[in-house]
Amino acid sequence: MHTLPAKDIAEFTSRQGVCKSDVKNFLNSVGQAGTEEGDLLSLYYDARLYSWSISTVWAIEAGIRLAYADEVANTGMQAIDKRIETPLPGAHYSIWPQR
């Protein structure tokens, strides 16, 4: 099962603009979906359901990517700042409500 050590979770919760409890709780459950895609789908569902900020979503995405990275030791902190192509607010395929 893919998991993150407490020090990595603490780093993601310390990012500016994130809801620390949401990031911590979600990243503690990473791996339960069984695949990276499953965890990402769960993230997008929860983000929409609970109206999480985009900073919170990005921090959790980075944590998921790190948990599933094949070569964590080789990529180091570089993997944390890589963002996946997320359906962000304003995109025509967005999961976020239009205002």
PDB file of N, CA and C in Angstrom:
ATOM      1  N   MET A   1       0.838  -1.180   0.000  1.00  0.00           N
ATOM      2  CA  MET A   1       0.000   0.000   0.000  1.00  0.00           C
ATOM      3  C   MET A   1       0.882   1.243   0.000  1.00  0.00           C
ATOM      4  N   HIS A   2       0.489   2.253  -0.756  1.00  0.00           N
ATOM      5  CA  HIS A   2       1.244   3.489  -0.858  1.00  0.00           C
ATOM      6  C   HIS A   2       0.862   4.409   0.296  1.00  0.00           C
ATOM      7  N   THR A   3       1.862   4.842   1.043  1.00  0.00           N
ATOM      8  CA  THR A   3       1.623   5.740   2.163  1.00  0.00           C
ATOM      9  C   THR A   3       2.693   6.825   2.175  1.00  0.00           C
ATOM     10  N   LEU A   4       2.454   7.844   2.960  1.00  0.00           N
ATOM     11  CA  LEU A   4       3.424   8.920   3.130  1.00  0.00           C
ATOM     12  C   LEU A   4       3.877   8.965   4.580  1.00  0.00           C
ATOM     13  N   PRO A   5       5.165   9.210   4.805  1.00  0.00           N
ATOM     14  CA  PRO A   5       5.632   9.372   6.187  1.00  0.00           C
ATOM     15  C   PRO A   5       5.085  10.672   6.788  1.00  0.00           C
ATOM     16  N   ALA A   6       5.019  10.729   8.088  1.00  0.00           N
ATOM     17  CA  ALA A   6       4.461  11.895   8.791  1.00  0.00           C
ATOM     18  C   ALA A   6       5.195  13.184   8.450  1.00  0.00           C
ATOM     19  N   LYS A   7       6.506  13.111   8.223  1.00  0.00           N
ATOM     20  CA  LYS A   7       7.260  14.342   7.913  1.00  0.00           C
ATOM     21  C   LYS A   7       6.858  14.916   6.559  1.00  0.00           C
ATOM     22  N   ASP A   8       6.549  14.055   5.589  1.00  0.00           N
ATOM     23  CA  ASP A   8       6.089  14.542   4.288  1.00  0.00           C
ATOM     24  C   ASP A   8       4.696  15.153   4.400  1.00  0.00           C
ATOM     25  N   ILE A   9       3.823  14.515   5.163  1.00  0.00           N
ATOM     26  CA  ILE A   9       2.480  15.056   5.360  1.00  0.00           C
ATOM     27  C   ILE A   9       2.571  16.416   6.044  1.00  0.00           C
ATOM     28  N   ALA A  10       3.453  16.535   7.026  1.00  0.00           N
ATOM     29  CA  ALA A  10       3.632  17.817   7.719  1.00  0.00           C
ATOM     30  C   ALA A  10       4.103  18.905   6.761  1.00  0.00           C
ATOM     31  N   GLU A  11       4.929  18.544   5.812  1.00  0.00           N
ATOM     32  CA  GLU A  11       5.405  19.519   4.835  1.00  0.00           C
ATOM     33  C   GLU A  11       4.262  20.013   3.952  1.00  0.00           C
ATOM     34  N   PHE A  12       3.387  19.105   3.537  1.00  0.00           N
ATOM     35  CA  PHE A  12       2.251  19.508   2.705  1.00  0.00           C
ATOM     36  C   PHE A  12       1.256  20.351   3.494  1.00  0.00           C
ATOM     37  N   THR A  13       1.075  20.059   4.775  1.00  0.00           N
ATOM     38  CA  THR A  13       0.136  20.843   5.584  1.00  0.00           C
ATOM     39  C   THR A  13       0.683  22.226   5.914  1.00  0.00           C
ATOM     40  N   SER A  14       1.981  22.427   5.773  1.00  0.00           N
ATOM     41  CA  SER A  14       2.570  23.722   6.091  1.00  0.00           C
ATOM     42  C   SER A  14       2.534  24.705   4.917  1.00  0.00           C
ATOM     43  N   ARG A  15       2.021  24.283   3.777  1.00  0.00           N
ATOM     44  CA  ARG A  15       1.929  25.175   2.626  1.00  0.00           C
ATOM     45  C   ARG A  15       0.925  26.298   2.879  1.00  0.00           C
ATOM     46  N   GLN A  16       1.212  27.430   2.298  1.00  0.00           N
ATOM     47  CA  GLN A  16       0.356  28.599   2.489  1.00  0.00           C
ATOM     48  C   GLN A  16      -1.000  28.392   1.809  1.00  0.00           C
ATOM     49  N   GLY A  17      -2.071  28.746   2.507  1.00  0.00           N
ATOM     50  CA  GLY A  17      -3.408  28.714   1.947  1.00  0.00           C
ATOM     51  C   GLY A  17      -4.116  27.379   1.979  1.00  0.00           C
ATOM     52  N   VAL A  18      -3.515  26.363   2.606  1.00  0.00           N
ATOM     53  CA  VAL A  18      -4.167  25.053   2.653  1.00  0.00           C
ATOM     54  C   VAL A  18      -4.916  24.888   3.972  1.00  0.00           C
ATOM     55  N   CYS A  19      -5.936  24.059   3.952  1.00  0.00           N
ATOM     56  CA  CYS A  19      -6.627  23.676   5.182  1.00  0.00           C
ATOM     57  C   CYS A  19      -5.860  22.480   5.746  1.00  0.00           C
ATOM     58  N   LYS A  20      -5.148  22.720   6.810  1.00  0.00           N
ATOM     59  CA  LYS A  20      -4.232  21.708   7.355  1.00  0.00           C
ATOM     60  C   LYS A  20      -4.942  20.397   7.700  1.00  0.00           C
ATOM     61  N   SER A  21      -6.106  20.476   8.299  1.00  0.00           N
ATOM     62  CA  SER A  21      -6.795  19.245   8.699  1.00  0.00           C
ATOM     63  C   SER A  21      -7.261  18.446   7.480  1.00  0.00           C
ATOM     64  N   ASP A  22      -7.726  19.132   6.422  1.00  0.00           N
ATOM     65  CA  ASP A  22      -8.152  18.418   5.213  1.00  0.00           C
ATOM     66  C   ASP A  22      -6.980  17.705   4.548  1.00  0.00           C
ATOM     67  N   VAL A  23      -5.848  18.409   4.443  1.00  0.00           N
ATOM     68  CA  VAL A  23      -4.660  17.813   3.815  1.00  0.00           C
ATOM     69  C   VAL A  23      -4.171  16.625   4.639  1.00  0.00           C
ATOM     70  N   LYS A  24      -4.073  16.814   5.934  1.00  0.00           N
ATOM     71  CA  LYS A  24      -3.572  15.739   6.801  1.00  0.00           C
ATOM     72  C   LYS A  24      -4.483  14.512   6.753  1.00  0.00           C
ATOM     73  N   ASN A  25      -5.778  14.732   6.891  1.00  0.00           N
ATOM     74  CA  ASN A  25      -6.717  13.604   6.890  1.00  0.00           C
ATOM     75  C   ASN A  25      -6.713  12.869   5.556  1.00  0.00           C
ATOM     76  N   PHE A  26      -6.692  13.612   4.450  1.00  0.00           N
ATOM     77  CA  PHE A  26      -6.718  12.949   3.151  1.00  0.00           C
ATOM     78  C   PHE A  26      -5.420  12.190   2.898  1.00  0.00           C
ATOM     79  N   LEU A  27      -4.281  12.826   3.172  1.00  0.00           N
ATOM     80  CA  LEU A  27      -3.002  12.165   2.890  1.00  0.00           C
ATOM     81  C   LEU A  27      -2.768  10.957   3.791  1.00  0.00           C
ATOM     82  N   ASN A  28      -3.367  10.943   4.965  1.00  0.00           N
ATOM     83  CA  ASN A  28      -3.267   9.757   5.819  1.00  0.00           C
ATOM     84  C   ASN A  28      -4.038   8.578   5.239  1.00  0.00           C
ATOM     85  N   SER A  29      -4.977   8.842   4.333  1.00  0.00           N
ATOM     86  CA  SER A  29      -5.765   7.763   3.738  1.00  0.00           C
ATOM     87  C   SER A  29      -5.283   7.373   2.338  1.00  0.00           C
ATOM     88  N   VAL A  30      -4.228   8.022   1.841  1.00  0.00           N
ATOM     89  CA  VAL A  30      -3.728   7.714   0.500  1.00  0.00           C
ATOM     90  C   VAL A  30      -3.325   6.248   0.429  1.00  0.00           C
ATOM     91  N   GLY A  31      -3.721   5.596  -0.648  1.00  0.00           N
ATOM     92  CA  GLY A  31      -3.410   4.185  -0.848  1.00  0.00           C
ATOM     93  C   GLY A  31      -4.611   3.290  -0.654  1.00  0.00           C
ATOM     94  N   GLN A  32      -5.626   3.784   0.019  1.00  0.00           N
ATOM     95  CA  GLN A  32      -6.804   2.963   0.262  1.00  0.00           C
ATOM     96  C   GLN A  32      -7.599   2.702  -1.010  1.00  0.00           C
ATOM     97  N   ALA A  33      -7.501   3.611  -1.981  1.00  0.00           N
ATOM     98  CA  ALA A  33      -8.215   3.427  -3.248  1.00  0.00           C
ATOM     99  C   ALA A  33      -7.540   2.365  -4.115  1.00  0.00           C
ATOM    100  N   GLY A  34      -6.279   2.087  -3.843  1.00  0.00           N
ATOM    101  CA  GLY A  34      -5.568   1.037  -4.566  1.00  0.00           C
ATOM    102  C   GLY A  34      -4.741   1.521  -5.743  1.00  0.00           C
ATOM    103  N   THR A  35      -5.111   2.648  -6.335  1.00  0.00           N
ATOM    104  CA  THR A  35      -4.361   3.190  -7.469  1.00  0.00           C
ATOM    105  C   THR A  35      -4.252   4.702  -7.331  1.00  0.00           C
ATOM    106  N   GLU A  36      -3.291   5.263  -8.040  1.00  0.00           N
ATOM    107  CA  GLU A  36      -3.138   6.714  -8.049  1.00  0.00           C
ATOM    108  C   GLU A  36      -4.392   7.374  -8.618  1.00  0.00           C
ATOM    109  N   GLU A  37      -4.920   6.801  -9.698  1.00  0.00           N
ATOM    110  CA  GLU A  37      -6.114   7.358 -10.322  1.00  0.00           C
ATOM    111  C   GLU A  37      -7.306   7.324  -9.362  1.00  0.00           C
ATOM    112  N   GLY A  38      -7.427   6.256  -8.616  1.00  0.00           N
ATOM    113  CA  GLY A  38      -8.504   6.143  -7.643  1.00  0.00           C
ATOM    114  C   GLY A  38      -8.408   7.191  -6.557  1.00  0.00           C
ATOM    115  N   ASP A  39      -7.182   7.427  -6.073  1.00  0.00           N
ATOM    116  CA  ASP A  39      -6.984   8.464  -5.058  1.00  0.00           C
ATOM    117  C   ASP A  39      -7.269   9.852  -5.629  1.00  0.00           C
ATOM    118  N   LEU A  40      -6.887  10.080  -6.879  1.00  0.00           N
ATOM    119  CA  LEU A  40      -7.157  11.380  -7.500  1.00  0.00           C
ATOM    120  C   LEU A  40      -8.657  11.601  -7.690  1.00  0.00           C
ATOM    121  N   LEU A  41      -9.367  10.568  -8.122  1.00  0.00           N
ATOM    122  CA  LEU A  41     -10.816  10.697  -8.266  1.00  0.00           C
ATOM    123  C   LEU A  41     -11.471  10.999  -6.921  1.00  0.00           C
ATOM    124  N   SER A  42     -11.003  10.337  -5.893  1.00  0.00           N
ATOM    125  CA  SER A  42     -11.519  10.591  -4.551  1.00  0.00           C
ATOM    126  C   SER A  42     -11.234  12.032  -4.131  1.00  0.00           C
ATOM    127  N   LEU A  43     -10.037  12.511  -4.461  1.00  0.00           N
ATOM    128  CA  LEU A  43      -9.672  13.891  -4.154  1.00  0.00           C
ATOM    129  C   LEU A  43     -10.621  14.862  -4.835  1.00  0.00           C
ATOM    130  N   TYR A  44     -10.860  14.689  -6.140  1.00  0.00           N
ATOM    131  CA  TYR A  44     -11.706  15.620  -6.880  1.00  0.00           C
ATOM    132  C   TYR A  44     -13.145  15.589  -6.373  1.00  0.00           C
ATOM    133  N   TYR A  45     -13.605  14.415  -6.026  1.00  0.00           N
ATOM    134  CA  TYR A  45     -14.950  14.291  -5.477  1.00  0.00           C
ATOM    135  C   TYR A  45     -15.052  15.048  -4.151  1.00  0.00           C
ATOM    136  N   ASP A  46     -14.104  14.788  -3.253  1.00  0.00           N
ATOM    137  CA  ASP A  46     -14.118  15.452  -1.945  1.00  0.00           C
ATOM    138  C   ASP A  46     -13.931  16.957  -2.075  1.00  0.00           C
ATOM    139  N   ALA A  47     -13.057  17.382  -2.984  1.00  0.00           N
ATOM    140  CA  ALA A  47     -12.801  18.811  -3.171  1.00  0.00           C
ATOM    141  C   ALA A  47     -14.073  19.540  -3.581  1.00  0.00           C
ATOM    142  N   ARG A  48     -14.819  18.934  -4.462  1.00  0.00           N
ATOM    143  CA  ARG A  48     -16.079  19.553  -4.909  1.00  0.00           C
ATOM    144  C   ARG A  48     -17.124  19.490  -3.803  1.00  0.00           C
ATOM    145  N   LEU A  49     -17.227  18.349  -3.149  1.00  0.00           N
ATOM    146  CA  LEU A  49     -18.232  18.152  -2.111  1.00  0.00           C
ATOM    147  C   LEU A  49     -18.029  19.115  -0.931  1.00  0.00           C
ATOM    148  N   TYR A  50     -16.760  19.299  -0.529  1.00  0.00           N
ATOM    149  CA  TYR A  50     -16.460  20.116   0.648  1.00  0.00           C
ATOM    150  C   TYR A  50     -15.956  21.516   0.317  1.00  0.00           C
ATOM    151  N   SER A  51     -15.957  21.887  -0.966  1.00  0.00           N
ATOM    152  CA  SER A  51     -15.536  23.228  -1.419  1.00  0.00           C
ATOM    153  C   SER A  51     -14.132  23.590  -0.935  1.00  0.00           C
ATOM    154  N   TRP A  52     -13.179  22.682  -1.159  1.00  0.00           N
ATOM    155  CA  TRP A  52     -11.803  22.939  -0.766  1.00  0.00           C
ATOM    156  C   TRP A  52     -11.180  23.990  -1.662  1.00  0.00           C
ATOM    157  N   SER A  53     -10.239  24.742  -1.107  1.00  0.00           N
ATOM    158  CA  SER A  53      -9.506  25.734  -1.892  1.00  0.00           C
ATOM    159  C   SER A  53      -8.575  25.030  -2.872  1.00  0.00           C
ATOM    160  N   ILE A  54      -8.210  25.740  -3.920  1.00  0.00           N
ATOM    161  CA  ILE A  54      -7.325  25.147  -4.925  1.00  0.00           C
ATOM    162  C   ILE A  54      -5.946  24.864  -4.317  1.00  0.00           C
ATOM    163  N   SER A  55      -5.519  25.650  -3.345  1.00  0.00           N
ATOM    164  CA  SER A  55      -4.238  25.394  -2.675  1.00  0.00           C
ATOM    165  C   SER A  55      -4.268  24.059  -1.940  1.00  0.00           C
ATOM    166  N   THR A  56      -5.390  23.769  -1.319  1.00  0.00           N
ATOM    167  CA  THR A  56      -5.552  22.491  -0.621  1.00  0.00           C
ATOM    168  C   THR A  56      -5.519  21.336  -1.614  1.00  0.00           C
ATOM    169  N   VAL A  57      -6.208  21.500  -2.747  1.00  0.00           N
ATOM    170  CA  VAL A  57      -6.231  20.458  -3.771  1.00  0.00           C
ATOM    171  C   VAL A  57      -4.835  20.216  -4.322  1.00  0.00           C
ATOM    172  N   TRP A  58      -4.092  21.285  -4.593  1.00  0.00           N
ATOM    173  CA  TRP A  58      -2.728  21.132  -5.128  1.00  0.00           C
ATOM    174  C   TRP A  58      -1.816  20.432  -4.130  1.00  0.00           C
ATOM    175  N   ALA A  59      -1.936  20.762  -2.857  1.00  0.00           N
ATOM    176  CA  ALA A  59      -1.099  20.118  -1.845  1.00  0.00           C
ATOM    177  C   ALA A  59      -1.407  18.621  -1.773  1.00  0.00           C
ATOM    178  N   ILE A  60      -2.688  18.272  -1.836  1.00  0.00           N
ATOM    179  CA  ILE A  60      -3.064  16.861  -1.772  1.00  0.00           C
ATOM    180  C   ILE A  60      -2.622  16.132  -3.041  1.00  0.00           C
ATOM    181  N   GLU A  61      -2.786  16.768  -4.207  1.00  0.00           N
ATOM    182  CA  GLU A  61      -2.319  16.156  -5.461  1.00  0.00           C
ATOM    183  C   GLU A  61      -0.828  15.851  -5.397  1.00  0.00           C
ATOM    184  N   ALA A  62      -0.065  16.814  -4.897  1.00  0.00           N
ATOM    185  CA  ALA A  62       1.380  16.616  -4.800  1.00  0.00           C
ATOM    186  C   ALA A  62       1.700  15.460  -3.861  1.00  0.00           C
ATOM    187  N   GLY A  63       0.948  15.348  -2.771  1.00  0.00           N
ATOM    188  CA  GLY A  63       1.143  14.241  -1.843  1.00  0.00           C
ATOM    189  C   GLY A  63       0.821  12.897  -2.477  1.00  0.00           C
ATOM    190  N   ILE A  64      -0.247  12.850  -3.263  1.00  0.00           N
ATOM    191  CA  ILE A  64      -0.611  11.611  -3.954  1.00  0.00           C
ATOM    192  C   ILE A  64       0.477  11.227  -4.939  1.00  0.00           C
ATOM    193  N   ARG A  65       0.960  12.208  -5.707  1.00  0.00           N
ATOM    194  CA  ARG A  65       2.030  11.941  -6.680  1.00  0.00           C
ATOM    195  C   ARG A  65       3.275  11.402  -5.982  1.00  0.00           C
ATOM    196  N   LEU A  66       3.610  11.991  -4.841  1.00  0.00           N
ATOM    197  CA  LEU A  66       4.792  11.540  -4.108  1.00  0.00           C
ATOM    198  C   LEU A  66       4.592  10.116  -3.577  1.00  0.00           C
ATOM    199  N   ALA A  67       3.412   9.821  -3.093  1.00  0.00           N
ATOM    200  CA  ALA A  67       3.145   8.486  -2.550  1.00  0.00           C
ATOM    201  C   ALA A  67       3.252   7.409  -3.622  1.00  0.00           C
ATOM    202  N   TYR A  68       2.904   7.750  -4.862  1.00  0.00           N
ATOM    203  CA  TYR A  68       2.928   6.765  -5.934  1.00  0.00           C
ATOM    204  C   TYR A  68       4.169   6.862  -6.818  1.00  0.00           C
ATOM    205  N   ALA A  69       5.070   7.759  -6.497  1.00  0.00           N
ATOM    206  CA  ALA A  69       6.276   7.911  -7.311  1.00  0.00           C
ATOM    207  C   ALA A  69       7.121   6.643  -7.230  1.00  0.00           C
ATOM    208  N   ASP A  70       7.619   6.206  -8.385  1.00  0.00           N
ATOM    209  CA  ASP A  70       8.441   4.991  -8.421  1.00  0.00           C
ATOM    210  C   ASP A  70       9.823   5.223  -7.841  1.00  0.00           C
ATOM    211  N   GLU A  71      10.346   6.404  -8.031  1.00  0.00           N
ATOM    212  CA  GLU A  71      11.713   6.690  -7.605  1.00  0.00           C
ATOM    213  C   GLU A  71      11.754   7.908  -6.695  1.00  0.00           C
ATOM    214  N   VAL A  72      11.119   7.790  -5.541  1.00  0.00           N
ATOM    215  CA  VAL A  72      11.047   8.908  -4.614  1.00  0.00           C
ATOM    216  C   VAL A  72      12.437   9.378  -4.223  1.00  0.00           C
ATOM    217  N   ALA A  73      13.333   8.465  -3.991  1.00  0.00           N
ATOM    218  CA  ALA A  73      14.681   8.843  -3.568  1.00  0.00           C
ATOM    219  C   ALA A  73      15.412   9.639  -4.654  1.00  0.00           C
ATOM    220  N   ASN A  74      15.183   9.298  -5.920  1.00  0.00           N
ATOM    221  CA  ASN A  74      15.874   9.978  -7.009  1.00  0.00           C
ATOM    222  C   ASN A  74      15.256  11.318  -7.357  1.00  0.00           C
ATOM    223  N   THR A  75      13.932  11.440  -7.210  1.00  0.00           N
ATOM    224  CA  THR A  75      13.283  12.688  -7.569  1.00  0.00           C
ATOM    225  C   THR A  75      13.279  13.683  -6.427  1.00  0.00           C
ATOM    226  N   GLY A  76      13.346  13.208  -5.206  1.00  0.00           N
ATOM    227  CA  GLY A  76      13.396  14.088  -4.045  1.00  0.00           C
ATOM    228  C   GLY A  76      12.233  15.053  -3.996  1.00  0.00           C
ATOM    229  N   MET A  77      12.510  16.270  -3.635  1.00  0.00           N
ATOM    230  CA  MET A  77      11.472  17.264  -3.483  1.00  0.00           C
ATOM    231  C   MET A  77      10.964  17.780  -4.816  1.00  0.00           C
ATOM    232  N   GLN A  78      11.616  17.458  -5.916  1.00  0.00           N
ATOM    233  CA  GLN A  78      11.152  17.867  -7.238  1.00  0.00           C
ATOM    234  C   GLN A  78       9.748  17.324  -7.500  1.00  0.00           C
ATOM    235  N   ALA A  79       9.453  16.124  -7.028  1.00  0.00           N
ATOM    236  CA  ALA A  79       8.146  15.506  -7.274  1.00  0.00           C
ATOM    237  C   ALA A  79       7.023  16.256  -6.577  1.00  0.00           C
ATOM    238  N   ILE A  80       7.335  16.943  -5.502  1.00  0.00           N
ATOM    239  CA  ILE A  80       6.303  17.633  -4.736  1.00  0.00           C
ATOM    240  C   ILE A  80       5.686  18.772  -5.538  1.00  0.00           C
ATOM    241  N   ASP A  81       6.484  19.489  -6.299  1.00  0.00           N
ATOM    242  CA  ASP A  81       5.974  20.649  -6.996  1.00  0.00           C
ATOM    243  C   ASP A  81       5.431  20.355  -8.383  1.00  0.00           C
ATOM    244  N   LYS A  82       5.517  19.127  -8.832  1.00  0.00           N
ATOM    245  CA  LYS A  82       4.920  18.783 -10.117  1.00  0.00           C
ATOM    246  C   LYS A  82       3.422  18.680  -9.927  1.00  0.00           C
ATOM    247  N   ARG A  83       2.700  19.358 -10.760  1.00  0.00           N
ATOM    248  CA  ARG A  83       1.244  19.309 -10.668  1.00  0.00           C
ATOM    249  C   ARG A  83       0.704  18.556 -11.864  1.00  0.00           C
ATOM    250  N   ILE A  84      -0.319  17.780 -11.634  1.00  0.00           N
ATOM    251  CA  ILE A  84      -0.943  17.062 -12.725  1.00  0.00           C
ATOM    252  C   ILE A  84      -1.973  17.958 -13.395  1.00  0.00           C
ATOM    253  N   GLU A  85      -2.414  17.557 -14.562  1.00  0.00           N
ATOM    254  CA  GLU A  85      -3.389  18.333 -15.295  1.00  0.00           C
ATOM    255  C   GLU A  85      -4.755  18.144 -14.642  1.00  0.00           C
ATOM    256  N   THR A  86      -5.081  19.056 -13.750  1.00  0.00           N
ATOM    257  CA  THR A  86      -6.295  18.992 -12.965  1.00  0.00           C
ATOM    258  C   THR A  86      -7.416  19.762 -13.640  1.00  0.00           C
ATOM    259  N   PRO A  87      -8.628  19.270 -13.559  1.00  0.00           N
ATOM    260  CA  PRO A  87      -9.745  20.070 -14.059  1.00  0.00           C
ATOM    261  C   PRO A  87      -9.970  21.255 -13.131  1.00  0.00           C
ATOM    262  N   LEU A  88      -9.328  22.359 -13.422  1.00  0.00           N
ATOM    263  CA  LEU A  88      -9.378  23.538 -12.568  1.00  0.00           C
ATOM    264  C   LEU A  88     -10.605  24.392 -12.865  1.00  0.00           C
ATOM    265  N   PRO A  89     -10.962  25.272 -11.929  1.00  0.00           N
ATOM    266  CA  PRO A  89     -12.100  26.164 -12.160  1.00  0.00           C
ATOM    267  C   PRO A  89     -11.915  26.964 -13.447  1.00  0.00           C
ATOM    268  N   GLY A  90     -12.970  27.085 -14.203  1.00  0.00           N
ATOM    269  CA  GLY A  90     -12.932  27.868 -15.429  1.00  0.00           C
ATOM    270  C   GLY A  90     -12.680  27.052 -16.683  1.00  0.00           C
ATOM    271  N   ALA A  91     -12.170  25.840 -16.558  1.00  0.00           N
ATOM    272  CA  ALA A  91     -11.926  25.009 -17.734  1.00  0.00           C
ATOM    273  C   ALA A  91     -13.262  24.451 -18.229  1.00  0.00           C
ATOM    274  N   HIS A  92     -13.373  24.225 -19.524  1.00  0.00           N
ATOM    275  CA  HIS A  92     -14.647  23.763 -20.076  1.00  0.00           C
ATOM    276  C   HIS A  92     -15.043  22.374 -19.584  1.00  0.00           C
ATOM    277  N   TYR A  93     -14.090  21.605 -19.097  1.00  0.00           N
ATOM    278  CA  TYR A  93     -14.369  20.266 -18.594  1.00  0.00           C
ATOM    279  C   TYR A  93     -14.334  20.226 -17.075  1.00  0.00           C
ATOM    280  N   SER A  94     -14.408  21.390 -16.462  1.00  0.00           N
ATOM    281  CA  SER A  94     -14.211  21.511 -15.017  1.00  0.00           C
ATOM    282  C   SER A  94     -15.258  20.766 -14.199  1.00  0.00           C
ATOM    283  N   ILE A  95     -14.812  20.176 -13.093  1.00  0.00           N
ATOM    284  CA  ILE A  95     -15.737  19.575 -12.154  1.00  0.00           C
ATOM    285  C   ILE A  95     -16.229  20.618 -11.161  1.00  0.00           C
ATOM    286  N   TRP A  96     -15.642  21.801 -11.230  1.00  0.00           N
ATOM    287  CA  TRP A  96     -16.005  22.886 -10.320  1.00  0.00           C
ATOM    288  C   TRP A  96     -17.227  23.608 -10.854  1.00  0.00           C
ATOM    289  N   PRO A  97     -18.123  24.049  -9.983  1.00  0.00           N
ATOM    290  CA  PRO A  97     -19.324  24.748 -10.461  1.00  0.00           C
ATOM    291  C   PRO A  97     -18.961  26.085 -11.086  1.00  0.00           C
ATOM    292  N   GLN A  98     -19.675  26.441 -12.146  1.00  0.00           N
ATOM    293  CA  GLN A  98     -19.484  27.733 -12.794  1.00  0.00           C
ATOM    294  C   GLN A  98     -20.232  28.802 -11.996  1.00  0.00           C
ATOM    295  N   ARG A  99     -19.614  29.969 -11.863  1.00  0.00           N
ATOM    296  CA  ARG A  99     -20.265  31.064 -11.120  1.00  0.00           C
ATOM    297  C   ARG A  99     -20.551  32.211 -12.033  1.00  0.00           C
TER     298      ARG A  99
END
